[in-house]
Amino acid sequence: SGGGLVQAGGSLRLSCAPSGRTFSSYVMGWFRQAPGKERELIA
Protein backbone atom coordinates (compact mmCIF):
# COMPACT_ATOMS: atom_id res chain seq x y z
CA SER A 1 0.00 0.00 0.00
CA GLY A 2 1.01 3.64 -0.22
CA GLY A 3 1.46 4.10 -3.94
CA GLY A 4 0.03 7.01 -5.85
CA LEU A 5 0.72 10.04 -8.02
CA VAL A 6 3.36 12.50 -6.88
CA GLN A 7 5.30 15.34 -8.48
CA ALA A 8 9.00 15.05 -9.14
CA GLY A 9 10.94 15.82 -5.99
CA GLY A 10 8.15 14.55 -3.78
CA SER A 11 8.00 11.61 -1.37
CA LEU A 12 5.96 8.50 -0.80
CA ARG A 13 6.14 5.72 1.77
CA LEU A 14 5.18 2.23 0.72
CA SER A 15 4.15 -0.44 3.20
CA CYS A 16 4.10 -4.20 2.88
CA ALA A 17 2.19 -6.33 5.33
CA PRO A 18 1.73 -10.07 4.99
CA SER A 19 -1.40 -11.99 5.78
CA GLY A 20 -1.48 -15.62 6.68
CA ARG A 21 1.93 -15.87 8.32
CA THR A 22 4.76 -13.87 9.81
CA PHE A 23 7.84 -12.98 7.78
CA SER A 24 9.95 -11.70 10.66
CA SER A 25 12.74 -14.20 9.91
CA TYR A 26 12.75 -13.63 6.14
CA VAL A 27 14.86 -11.38 3.98
CA MET A 28 12.46 -8.91 2.42
CA GLY A 29 12.88 -7.06 -0.82
CA TRP A 30 11.27 -4.27 -2.81
CA PHE A 31 11.16 -4.63 -6.57
CA ARG A 32 9.75 -2.47 -9.32
CA GLN A 33 8.66 -2.97 -12.89
CA ALA A 34 8.30 -0.11 -15.35
CA PRO A 35 6.30 -0.51 -18.58
CA GLY A 36 8.22 -2.55 -21.11
CA LYS A 37 10.99 -3.38 -18.66
CA GLU A 38 11.92 -6.35 -16.54
CA ARG A 39 11.18 -6.43 -12.85
CA GLU A 40 14.24 -5.23 -10.93
CA LEU A 41 15.36 -5.50 -7.34
CA ILE A 42 15.82 -2.10 -5.72
CA ALA A 43 16.22 -2.76 -1.99
PDB file of all heavy atoms in Angstrom:
ATOM      1  N   SER A   1       0.849  -1.187   0.000  1.00  0.00           N
ATOM      2  CA  SER A   1       0.000   0.000   0.000  1.00  0.00           C
ATOM      3  C   SER A   1       0.882   1.234   0.000  1.00  0.00           C
ATOM      4  O   SER A   1       2.092   1.143   0.253  1.00  0.00           O
ATOM      5  CB  SER A   1      -0.932   0.011   1.214  1.00  0.00           C
ATOM      6  OG  SER A   1      -0.180   0.033   2.407  1.00  0.00           O
ATOM      7  N   GLY A   2       0.278   2.378  -0.298  1.00  0.00           N
ATOM      8  CA  GLY A   2       1.005   3.635  -0.216  1.00  0.00           C
ATOM      9  C   GLY A   2       1.401   4.237  -1.544  1.00  0.00           C
ATOM     10  O   GLY A   2       1.961   5.334  -1.586  1.00  0.00           O
ATOM     11  N   GLY A   3       1.127   3.538  -2.638  1.00  0.00           N
ATOM     12  CA  GLY A   3       1.463   4.100  -3.941  1.00  0.00           C
ATOM     13  C   GLY A   3       0.535   5.238  -4.303  1.00  0.00           C
ATOM     14  O   GLY A   3      -0.439   5.532  -3.598  1.00  0.00           O
ATOM     15  N   GLY A   4       0.862   5.905  -5.405  1.00  0.00           N
ATOM     16  CA  GLY A   4       0.027   7.007  -5.847  1.00  0.00           C
ATOM     17  C   GLY A   4       0.744   7.878  -6.847  1.00  0.00           C
ATOM     18  O   GLY A   4       1.775   7.498  -7.406  1.00  0.00           O
ATOM     19  N   LEU A   5       0.166   9.055  -7.076  1.00  0.00           N
ATOM     20  CA  LEU A   5       0.718  10.036  -8.015  1.00  0.00           C
ATOM     21  C   LEU A   5       1.388  11.143  -7.218  1.00  0.00           C
ATOM     22  O   LEU A   5       0.781  11.704  -6.293  1.00  0.00           O
ATOM     23  CB  LEU A   5      -0.408  10.602  -8.876  1.00  0.00           C
ATOM     24  CG  LEU A   5      -0.049  11.755  -9.811  1.00  0.00           C
ATOM     25  CD1 LEU A   5       0.963  11.310 -10.859  1.00  0.00           C
ATOM     26  CD2 LEU A   5      -1.314  12.304 -10.474  1.00  0.00           C
ATOM     27  N   VAL A   6       2.613  11.467  -7.584  1.00  0.00           N
ATOM     28  CA  VAL A   6       3.365  12.500  -6.882  1.00  0.00           C
ATOM     29  C   VAL A   6       4.189  13.271  -7.900  1.00  0.00           C
ATOM     30  O   VAL A   6       4.576  12.736  -8.948  1.00  0.00           O
ATOM     31  CB  VAL A   6       4.260  11.873  -5.790  1.00  0.00           C
ATOM     32  CG1 VAL A   6       5.324  10.967  -6.403  1.00  0.00           C
ATOM     33  CG2 VAL A   6       4.867  12.931  -4.893  1.00  0.00           C
ATOM     34  N   GLN A   7       4.455  14.541  -7.605  1.00  0.00           N
ATOM     35  CA  GLN A   7       5.295  15.342  -8.479  1.00  0.00           C
ATOM     36  C   GLN A   7       6.765  15.019  -8.252  1.00  0.00           C
ATOM     37  O   GLN A   7       7.159  14.567  -7.161  1.00  0.00           O
ATOM     38  CB  GLN A   7       5.056  16.825  -8.226  1.00  0.00           C
ATOM     39  CG  GLN A   7       3.713  17.321  -8.752  1.00  0.00           C
ATOM     40  CD  GLN A   7       3.607  18.840  -8.681  1.00  0.00           C
ATOM     41  OE1 GLN A   7       4.184  19.468  -7.810  1.00  0.00           O
ATOM     42  NE2 GLN A   7       2.848  19.417  -9.601  1.00  0.00           N
ATOM     43  N   ALA A   8       7.561  15.250  -9.265  1.00  0.00           N
ATOM     44  CA  ALA A   8       9.003  15.051  -9.138  1.00  0.00           C
ATOM     45  C   ALA A   8       9.534  15.850  -7.956  1.00  0.00           C
ATOM     46  O   ALA A   8       9.128  17.002  -7.732  1.00  0.00           O
ATOM     47  CB  ALA A   8       9.702  15.474 -10.427  1.00  0.00           C
ATOM     48  N   GLY A   9      10.409  15.210  -7.190  1.00  0.00           N
ATOM     49  CA  GLY A   9      10.944  15.824  -5.985  1.00  0.00           C
ATOM     50  C   GLY A   9      10.161  15.488  -4.733  1.00  0.00           C
ATOM     51  O   GLY A   9      10.616  15.779  -3.616  1.00  0.00           O
ATOM     52  N   GLY A  10       8.997  14.890  -4.911  1.00  0.00           N
ATOM     53  CA  GLY A  10       8.153  14.546  -3.778  1.00  0.00           C
ATOM     54  C   GLY A  10       8.538  13.239  -3.128  1.00  0.00           C
ATOM     55  O   GLY A  10       9.538  12.602  -3.490  1.00  0.00           O
ATOM     56  N   SER A  11       7.725  12.821  -2.156  1.00  0.00           N
ATOM     57  CA  SER A  11       8.003  11.614  -1.371  1.00  0.00           C
ATOM     58  C   SER A  11       6.764  10.744  -1.262  1.00  0.00           C
ATOM     59  O   SER A  11       5.627  11.238  -1.315  1.00  0.00           O
ATOM     60  CB  SER A  11       8.466  12.001   0.046  1.00  0.00           C
ATOM     61  OG  SER A  11       9.656  12.749   0.014  1.00  0.00           O
ATOM     62  N   LEU A  12       7.012   9.464  -1.104  1.00  0.00           N
ATOM     63  CA  LEU A  12       5.961   8.499  -0.803  1.00  0.00           C
ATOM     64  C   LEU A  12       6.554   7.453   0.132  1.00  0.00           C
ATOM     65  O   LEU A  12       7.765   7.202   0.099  1.00  0.00           O
ATOM     66  CB  LEU A  12       5.461   7.784  -2.062  1.00  0.00           C
ATOM     67  CG  LEU A  12       4.523   8.522  -3.013  1.00  0.00           C
ATOM     68  CD1 LEU A  12       4.291   7.690  -4.266  1.00  0.00           C
ATOM     69  CD2 LEU A  12       3.206   8.846  -2.340  1.00  0.00           C
ATOM     70  N   ARG A  13       5.704   6.846   0.959  1.00  0.00           N
ATOM     71  CA  ARG A  13       6.141   5.718   1.770  1.00  0.00           C
ATOM     72  C   ARG A  13       5.258   4.522   1.455  1.00  0.00           C
ATOM     73  O   ARG A  13       4.033   4.586   1.641  1.00  0.00           O
ATOM     74  CB  ARG A  13       6.086   6.014   3.259  1.00  0.00           C
ATOM     75  CG  ARG A  13       6.737   4.908   4.091  1.00  0.00           C
ATOM     76  CD  ARG A  13       6.808   5.195   5.565  1.00  0.00           C
ATOM     77  NE  ARG A  13       5.569   4.911   6.261  1.00  0.00           N
ATOM     78  CZ  ARG A  13       5.482   4.628   7.554  1.00  0.00           C
ATOM     79  NH1 ARG A  13       6.587   4.579   8.284  1.00  0.00           N
ATOM     80  NH2 ARG A  13       4.312   4.408   8.110  1.00  0.00           N
ATOM     81  N   LEU A  14       5.886   3.471   0.990  1.00  0.00           N
ATOM     82  CA  LEU A  14       5.184   2.228   0.716  1.00  0.00           C
ATOM     83  C   LEU A  14       5.255   1.316   1.926  1.00  0.00           C
ATOM     84  O   LEU A  14       6.245   1.319   2.651  1.00  0.00           O
ATOM     85  CB  LEU A  14       5.794   1.518  -0.489  1.00  0.00           C
ATOM     86  CG  LEU A  14       5.911   2.326  -1.786  1.00  0.00           C
ATOM     87  CD1 LEU A  14       6.479   1.442  -2.889  1.00  0.00           C
ATOM     88  CD2 LEU A  14       4.591   2.934  -2.181  1.00  0.00           C
ATOM     89  N   SER A  15       4.193   0.548   2.125  1.00  0.00           N
ATOM     90  CA  SER A  15       4.147  -0.438   3.204  1.00  0.00           C
ATOM     91  C   SER A  15       3.852  -1.803   2.618  1.00  0.00           C
ATOM     92  O   SER A  15       3.177  -1.922   1.585  1.00  0.00           O
ATOM     93  CB  SER A  15       3.064  -0.076   4.220  1.00  0.00           C
ATOM     94  OG  SER A  15       3.309   1.168   4.825  1.00  0.00           O
ATOM     95  N   CYS A  16       4.336  -2.822   3.301  1.00  0.00           N
ATOM     96  CA  CYS A  16       4.104  -4.198   2.877  1.00  0.00           C
ATOM     97  C   CYS A  16       3.796  -5.005   4.119  1.00  0.00           C
ATOM     98  O   CYS A  16       4.636  -5.119   5.016  1.00  0.00           O
ATOM     99  CB  CYS A  16       5.336  -4.745   2.171  1.00  0.00           C
ATOM    100  SG  CYS A  16       5.269  -6.520   1.835  1.00  0.00           S
ATOM    101  N   ALA A  17       2.600  -5.550   4.174  1.00  0.00           N
ATOM    102  CA  ALA A  17       2.185  -6.330   5.327  1.00  0.00           C
ATOM    103  C   ALA A  17       1.677  -7.678   4.858  1.00  0.00           C
ATOM    104  O   ALA A  17       0.815  -7.744   3.981  1.00  0.00           O
ATOM    105  CB  ALA A  17       1.097  -5.599   6.107  1.00  0.00           C
ATOM    106  N   PRO A  18       2.197  -8.752   5.403  1.00  0.00           N
ATOM    107  CA  PRO A  18       1.728 -10.071   4.986  1.00  0.00           C
ATOM    108  C   PRO A  18       0.462 -10.475   5.715  1.00  0.00           C
ATOM    109  O   PRO A  18       0.162  -9.964   6.786  1.00  0.00           O
ATOM    110  CB  PRO A  18       2.883 -10.990   5.386  1.00  0.00           C
ATOM    111  CG  PRO A  18       3.492 -10.307   6.562  1.00  0.00           C
ATOM    112  CD  PRO A  18       3.295  -8.843   6.357  1.00  0.00           C
ATOM    113  N   SER A  19      -0.267 -11.368   5.109  1.00  0.00           N
ATOM    114  CA  SER A  19      -1.399 -11.991   5.779  1.00  0.00           C
ATOM    115  C   SER A  19      -1.216 -13.499   5.685  1.00  0.00           C
ATOM    116  O   SER A  19      -0.702 -14.005   4.699  1.00  0.00           O
ATOM    117  CB  SER A  19      -2.717 -11.587   5.115  1.00  0.00           C
ATOM    118  OG  SER A  19      -2.767 -12.057   3.786  1.00  0.00           O
ATOM    119  N   GLY A  20      -1.578 -14.175   6.720  1.00  0.00           N
ATOM    120  CA  GLY A  20      -1.484 -15.623   6.680  1.00  0.00           C
ATOM    121  C   GLY A  20      -0.277 -16.193   7.396  1.00  0.00           C
ATOM    122  O   GLY A  20      -0.253 -17.360   7.734  1.00  0.00           O
ATOM    123  N   ARG A  21       0.772 -15.393   7.587  1.00  0.00           N
ATOM    124  CA  ARG A  21       1.926 -15.870   8.325  1.00  0.00           C
ATOM    125  C   ARG A  21       2.798 -14.675   8.662  1.00  0.00           C
ATOM    126  O   ARG A  21       2.595 -13.585   8.148  1.00  0.00           O
ATOM    127  CB  ARG A  21       2.725 -16.891   7.528  1.00  0.00           C
ATOM    128  CG  ARG A  21       3.405 -16.341   6.279  1.00  0.00           C
ATOM    129  CD  ARG A  21       4.328 -17.366   5.644  1.00  0.00           C
ATOM    130  NE  ARG A  21       5.425 -17.704   6.534  1.00  0.00           N
ATOM    131  CZ  ARG A  21       6.178 -18.774   6.383  1.00  0.00           C
ATOM    132  NH1 ARG A  21       5.929 -19.632   5.414  1.00  0.00           N
ATOM    133  NH2 ARG A  21       7.177 -19.009   7.210  1.00  0.00           N
ATOM    134  N   THR A  22       3.808 -14.917   9.488  1.00  0.00           N
ATOM    135  CA  THR A  22       4.764 -13.872   9.807  1.00  0.00           C
ATOM    136  C   THR A  22       6.022 -14.052   8.958  1.00  0.00           C
ATOM    137  O   THR A  22       6.425 -15.176   8.660  1.00  0.00           O
ATOM    138  CB  THR A  22       5.121 -13.897  11.301  1.00  0.00           C
ATOM    139  OG1 THR A  22       6.094 -12.879  11.545  1.00  0.00           O
ATOM    140  CG2 THR A  22       5.719 -15.238  11.704  1.00  0.00           C
ATOM    141  N   PHE A  23       6.626 -12.945   8.574  1.00  0.00           N
ATOM    142  CA  PHE A  23       7.839 -12.976   7.777  1.00  0.00           C
ATOM    143  C   PHE A  23       9.009 -12.368   8.541  1.00  0.00           C
ATOM    144  O   PHE A  23       9.970 -11.908   7.944  1.00  0.00           O
ATOM    145  CB  PHE A  23       7.617 -12.227   6.461  1.00  0.00           C
ATOM    146  CG  PHE A  23       6.819 -13.018   5.472  1.00  0.00           C
ATOM    147  CD1 PHE A  23       5.442 -12.955   5.470  1.00  0.00           C
ATOM    148  CD2 PHE A  23       7.444 -13.832   4.554  1.00  0.00           C
ATOM    149  CE1 PHE A  23       4.696 -13.688   4.574  1.00  0.00           C
ATOM    150  CE2 PHE A  23       6.714 -14.571   3.651  1.00  0.00           C
ATOM    151  CZ  PHE A  23       5.331 -14.498   3.663  1.00  0.00           C
ATOM    152  N   SER A  24       8.935 -12.380   9.864  1.00  0.00           N
ATOM    153  CA  SER A  24       9.948 -11.698  10.659  1.00  0.00           C
ATOM    154  C   SER A  24      11.329 -12.304  10.489  1.00  0.00           C
ATOM    155  O   SER A  24      12.324 -11.635  10.739  1.00  0.00           O
ATOM    156  CB  SER A  24       9.554 -11.689  12.135  1.00  0.00           C
ATOM    157  OG  SER A  24       9.383 -13.017  12.602  1.00  0.00           O
ATOM    158  N   SER A  25      11.431 -13.568  10.074  1.00  0.00           N
ATOM    159  CA  SER A  25      12.738 -14.198   9.907  1.00  0.00           C
ATOM    160  C   SER A  25      13.210 -14.193   8.453  1.00  0.00           C
ATOM    161  O   SER A  25      14.284 -14.705   8.156  1.00  0.00           O
ATOM    162  CB  SER A  25      12.698 -15.630  10.425  1.00  0.00           C
ATOM    163  OG  SER A  25      11.793 -16.397   9.653  1.00  0.00           O
ATOM    164  N   TYR A  26      12.437 -13.599   7.560  1.00  0.00           N
ATOM    165  CA  TYR A  26      12.747 -13.627   6.136  1.00  0.00           C
ATOM    166  C   TYR A  26      13.496 -12.372   5.706  1.00  0.00           C
ATOM    167  O   TYR A  26      13.275 -11.285   6.243  1.00  0.00           O
ATOM    168  CB  TYR A  26      11.464 -13.718   5.308  1.00  0.00           C
ATOM    169  CG  TYR A  26      10.900 -15.109   5.206  1.00  0.00           C
ATOM    170  CD1 TYR A  26      10.432 -15.780   6.325  1.00  0.00           C
ATOM    171  CD2 TYR A  26      10.829 -15.749   3.972  1.00  0.00           C
ATOM    172  CE1 TYR A  26       9.908 -17.058   6.226  1.00  0.00           C
ATOM    173  CE2 TYR A  26      10.303 -17.018   3.855  1.00  0.00           C
ATOM    174  CZ  TYR A  26       9.843 -17.667   4.980  1.00  0.00           C
ATOM    175  OH  TYR A  26       9.328 -18.927   4.881  1.00  0.00           O
ATOM    176  N   VAL A  27      14.339 -12.534   4.708  1.00  0.00           N
ATOM    177  CA  VAL A  27      14.864 -11.384   3.985  1.00  0.00           C
ATOM    178  C   VAL A  27      13.725 -10.844   3.115  1.00  0.00           C
ATOM    179  O   VAL A  27      13.039 -11.597   2.418  1.00  0.00           O
ATOM    180  CB  VAL A  27      16.065 -11.778   3.095  1.00  0.00           C
ATOM    181  CG1 VAL A  27      16.465 -10.613   2.193  1.00  0.00           C
ATOM    182  CG2 VAL A  27      17.231 -12.240   3.954  1.00  0.00           C
ATOM    183  N   MET A  28      13.525  -9.548   3.189  1.00  0.00           N
ATOM    184  CA  MET A  28      12.456  -8.906   2.422  1.00  0.00           C
ATOM    185  C   MET A  28      13.057  -7.984   1.377  1.00  0.00           C
ATOM    186  O   MET A  28      14.094  -7.345   1.611  1.00  0.00           O
ATOM    187  CB  MET A  28      11.548  -8.100   3.348  1.00  0.00           C
ATOM    188  CG  MET A  28      10.901  -8.918   4.438  1.00  0.00           C
ATOM    189  SD  MET A  28       9.725 -10.137   3.814  1.00  0.00           S
ATOM    190  CE  MET A  28       8.454  -9.072   3.114  1.00  0.00           C
ATOM    191  N   GLY A  29      12.388  -7.907   0.249  1.00  0.00           N
ATOM    192  CA  GLY A  29      12.883  -7.055  -0.820  1.00  0.00           C
ATOM    193  C   GLY A  29      11.769  -6.229  -1.441  1.00  0.00           C
ATOM    194  O   GLY A  29      10.595  -6.609  -1.385  1.00  0.00           O
ATOM    195  N   TRP A  30      12.160  -5.080  -1.976  1.00  0.00           N
ATOM    196  CA  TRP A  30      11.272  -4.274  -2.811  1.00  0.00           C
ATOM    197  C   TRP A  30      11.787  -4.340  -4.246  1.00  0.00           C
ATOM    198  O   TRP A  30      12.991  -4.202  -4.491  1.00  0.00           O
ATOM    199  CB  TRP A  30      11.236  -2.819  -2.346  1.00  0.00           C
ATOM    200  CG  TRP A  30      10.394  -2.598  -1.132  1.00  0.00           C
ATOM    201  CD1 TRP A  30      10.815  -2.503   0.161  1.00  0.00           C
ATOM    202  CD2 TRP A  30       8.973  -2.441  -1.097  1.00  0.00           C
ATOM    203  NE1 TRP A  30       9.747  -2.305   0.997  1.00  0.00           N
ATOM    204  CE2 TRP A  30       8.599  -2.255   0.252  1.00  0.00           C
ATOM    205  CE3 TRP A  30       7.967  -2.430  -2.071  1.00  0.00           C
ATOM    206  CZ2 TRP A  30       7.273  -2.068   0.657  1.00  0.00           C
ATOM    207  CZ3 TRP A  30       6.654  -2.244  -1.673  1.00  0.00           C
ATOM    208  CH2 TRP A  30       6.310  -2.067  -0.332  1.00  0.00           C
ATOM    209  N   PHE A  31      10.870  -4.567  -5.154  1.00  0.00           N
ATOM    210  CA  PHE A  31      11.161  -4.632  -6.574  1.00  0.00           C
ATOM    211  C   PHE A  31      10.280  -3.620  -7.284  1.00  0.00           C
ATOM    212  O   PHE A  31       9.283  -3.159  -6.733  1.00  0.00           O
ATOM    213  CB  PHE A  31      10.831  -6.039  -7.122  1.00  0.00           C
ATOM    214  CG  PHE A  31      11.674  -7.138  -6.546  1.00  0.00           C
ATOM    215  CD1 PHE A  31      11.459  -7.607  -5.257  1.00  0.00           C
ATOM    216  CD2 PHE A  31      12.674  -7.718  -7.302  1.00  0.00           C
ATOM    217  CE1 PHE A  31      12.234  -8.629  -4.715  1.00  0.00           C
ATOM    218  CE2 PHE A  31      13.447  -8.756  -6.784  1.00  0.00           C
ATOM    219  CZ  PHE A  31      13.230  -9.204  -5.492  1.00  0.00           C
ATOM    220  N   ARG A  32      10.624  -3.303  -8.525  1.00  0.00           N
ATOM    221  CA  ARG A  32       9.753  -2.466  -9.322  1.00  0.00           C
ATOM    222  C   ARG A  32       9.812  -2.899 -10.781  1.00  0.00           C
ATOM    223  O   ARG A  32      10.818  -3.464 -11.225  1.00  0.00           O
ATOM    224  CB  ARG A  32      10.108  -0.984  -9.187  1.00  0.00           C
ATOM    225  CG  ARG A  32      11.441  -0.583  -9.789  1.00  0.00           C
ATOM    226  CD  ARG A  32      11.713   0.879  -9.491  1.00  0.00           C
ATOM    227  NE  ARG A  32      12.999   1.317 -10.056  1.00  0.00           N
ATOM    228  CZ  ARG A  32      13.539   2.508  -9.805  1.00  0.00           C
ATOM    229  NH1 ARG A  32      12.906   3.376  -9.023  1.00  0.00           N
ATOM    230  NH2 ARG A  32      14.687   2.822 -10.356  1.00  0.00           N
ATOM    231  N   GLN A  33       8.730  -2.630 -11.474  1.00  0.00           N
ATOM    232  CA  GLN A  33       8.661  -2.968 -12.887  1.00  0.00           C
ATOM    233  C   GLN A  33       8.013  -1.814 -13.644  1.00  0.00           C
ATOM    234  O   GLN A  33       6.835  -1.499 -13.416  1.00  0.00           O
ATOM    235  CB  GLN A  33       7.873  -4.250 -13.105  1.00  0.00           C
ATOM    236  CG  GLN A  33       7.905  -4.747 -14.534  1.00  0.00           C
ATOM    237  CD  GLN A  33       7.417  -6.180 -14.673  1.00  0.00           C
ATOM    238  OE1 GLN A  33       6.745  -6.715 -13.794  1.00  0.00           O
ATOM    239  NE2 GLN A  33       7.769  -6.827 -15.775  1.00  0.00           N
ATOM    240  N   ALA A  34       8.804  -1.190 -14.507  1.00  0.00           N
ATOM    241  CA  ALA A  34       8.304  -0.112 -15.350  1.00  0.00           C
ATOM    242  C   ALA A  34       7.748  -0.712 -16.639  1.00  0.00           C
ATOM    243  O   ALA A  34       8.119  -1.824 -17.025  1.00  0.00           O
ATOM    244  CB  ALA A  34       9.432   0.864 -15.652  1.00  0.00           C
ATOM    245  N   PRO A  35       6.879   0.013 -17.327  1.00  0.00           N
ATOM    246  CA  PRO A  35       6.296  -0.506 -18.580  1.00  0.00           C
ATOM    247  C   PRO A  35       7.378  -0.889 -19.579  1.00  0.00           C
ATOM    248  O   PRO A  35       8.302  -0.116 -19.845  1.00  0.00           O
ATOM    249  CB  PRO A  35       5.467   0.676 -19.081  1.00  0.00           C
ATOM    250  CG  PRO A  35       5.116   1.442 -17.863  1.00  0.00           C
ATOM    251  CD  PRO A  35       6.297   1.315 -16.954  1.00  0.00           C
ATOM    252  N   GLY A  36       7.268  -2.096 -20.112  1.00  0.00           N
ATOM    253  CA  GLY A  36       8.216  -2.554 -21.112  1.00  0.00           C
ATOM    254  C   GLY A  36       9.565  -2.985 -20.576  1.00  0.00           C
ATOM    255  O   GLY A  36      10.468  -3.301 -21.355  1.00  0.00           O
ATOM    256  N   LYS A  37       9.703  -2.998 -19.263  1.00  0.00           N
ATOM    257  CA  LYS A  37      10.989  -3.379 -18.664  1.00  0.00           C
ATOM    258  C   LYS A  37      10.827  -4.580 -17.757  1.00  0.00           C
ATOM    259  O   LYS A  37       9.717  -4.910 -17.327  1.00  0.00           O
ATOM    260  CB  LYS A  37      11.584  -2.199 -17.888  1.00  0.00           C
ATOM    261  CG  LYS A  37      11.963  -1.019 -18.756  1.00  0.00           C
ATOM    262  CD  LYS A  37      12.720   0.025 -17.956  1.00  0.00           C
ATOM    263  CE  LYS A  37      13.171   1.168 -18.846  1.00  0.00           C
ATOM    264  NZ  LYS A  37      13.931   2.196 -18.077  1.00  0.00           N
ATOM    265  N   GLU A  38      11.946  -5.226 -17.450  1.00  0.00           N
ATOM    266  CA  GLU A  38      11.918  -6.353 -16.544  1.00  0.00           C
ATOM    267  C   GLU A  38      11.790  -5.870 -15.102  1.00  0.00           C
ATOM    268  O   GLU A  38      12.170  -4.746 -14.770  1.00  0.00           O
ATOM    269  CB  GLU A  38      13.197  -7.174 -16.695  1.00  0.00           C
ATOM    270  CG  GLU A  38      13.311  -7.885 -18.030  1.00  0.00           C
ATOM    271  CD  GLU A  38      14.493  -8.834 -18.070  1.00  0.00           C
ATOM    272  OE1 GLU A  38      15.307  -8.812 -17.135  1.00  0.00           O
ATOM    273  OE2 GLU A  38      14.605  -9.588 -19.053  1.00  0.00           O
ATOM    274  N   ARG A  39      11.260  -6.751 -14.268  1.00  0.00           N
ATOM    275  CA  ARG A  39      11.179  -6.427 -12.849  1.00  0.00           C
ATOM    276  C   ARG A  39      12.593  -6.412 -12.278  1.00  0.00           C
ATOM    277  O   ARG A  39      13.391  -7.303 -12.534  1.00  0.00           O
ATOM    278  CB  ARG A  39      10.323  -7.474 -12.135  1.00  0.00           C
ATOM    279  CG  ARG A  39       9.934  -7.107 -10.733  1.00  0.00           C
ATOM    280  CD  ARG A  39       8.935  -8.096 -10.159  1.00  0.00           C
ATOM    281  NE  ARG A  39       7.716  -8.144 -10.957  1.00  0.00           N
ATOM    282  CZ  ARG A  39       6.624  -8.826 -10.598  1.00  0.00           C
ATOM    283  NH1 ARG A  39       6.614  -9.511  -9.452  1.00  0.00           N
ATOM    284  NH2 ARG A  39       5.564  -8.837 -11.371  1.00  0.00           N
ATOM    285  N   GLU A  40      12.890  -5.371 -11.485  1.00  0.00           N
ATOM    286  CA  GLU A  40      14.237  -5.232 -10.931  1.00  0.00           C
ATOM    287  C   GLU A  40      14.176  -5.090  -9.416  1.00  0.00           C
ATOM    288  O   GLU A  40      13.254  -4.487  -8.848  1.00  0.00           O
ATOM    289  CB  GLU A  40      14.949  -4.000 -11.522  1.00  0.00           C
ATOM    290  CG  GLU A  40      14.305  -2.673 -11.187  1.00  0.00           C
ATOM    291  CD  GLU A  40      15.180  -1.467 -11.512  1.00  0.00           C
ATOM    292  OE1 GLU A  40      16.415  -1.626 -11.651  1.00  0.00           O
ATOM    293  OE2 GLU A  40      14.616  -0.361 -11.618  1.00  0.00           O
ATOM    294  N   LEU A  41      15.197  -5.640  -8.788  1.00  0.00           N
ATOM    295  CA  LEU A  41      15.361  -5.498  -7.343  1.00  0.00           C
ATOM    296  C   LEU A  41      15.905  -4.111  -7.037  1.00  0.00           C
ATOM    297  O   LEU A  41      16.867  -3.674  -7.665  1.00  0.00           O
ATOM    298  CB  LEU A  41      16.338  -6.559  -6.836  1.00  0.00           C
ATOM    299  CG  LEU A  41      16.796  -6.428  -5.399  1.00  0.00           C
ATOM    300  CD1 LEU A  41      15.645  -6.665  -4.440  1.00  0.00           C
ATOM    301  CD2 LEU A  41      17.939  -7.388  -5.123  1.00  0.00           C
ATOM    302  N   ILE A  42      15.306  -3.418  -6.067  1.00  0.00           N
ATOM    303  CA  ILE A  42      15.822  -2.100  -5.723  1.00  0.00           C
ATOM    304  C   ILE A  42      16.304  -2.003  -4.277  1.00  0.00           C
ATOM    305  O   ILE A  42      17.158  -1.165  -3.977  1.00  0.00           O
ATOM    306  CB  ILE A  42      14.802  -0.978  -6.015  1.00  0.00           C
ATOM    307  CG1 ILE A  42      13.491  -1.218  -5.252  1.00  0.00           C
ATOM    308  CG2 ILE A  42      14.553  -0.846  -7.505  1.00  0.00           C
ATOM    309  CD1 ILE A  42      12.534  -0.041  -5.348  1.00  0.00           C
ATOM    310  N   ALA A  43      15.797  -2.833  -3.386  1.00  0.00           N
ATOM    311  CA  ALA A  43      16.222  -2.760  -1.991  1.00  0.00           C
ATOM    312  C   ALA A  43      15.968  -4.081  -1.287  1.00  0.00           C
ATOM    313  O   ALA A  43      14.992  -4.769  -1.580  1.00  0.00           O
ATOM    314  CB  ALA A  43      15.502  -1.632  -1.255  1.00  0.00           C
TER     315      ALA A  43
END
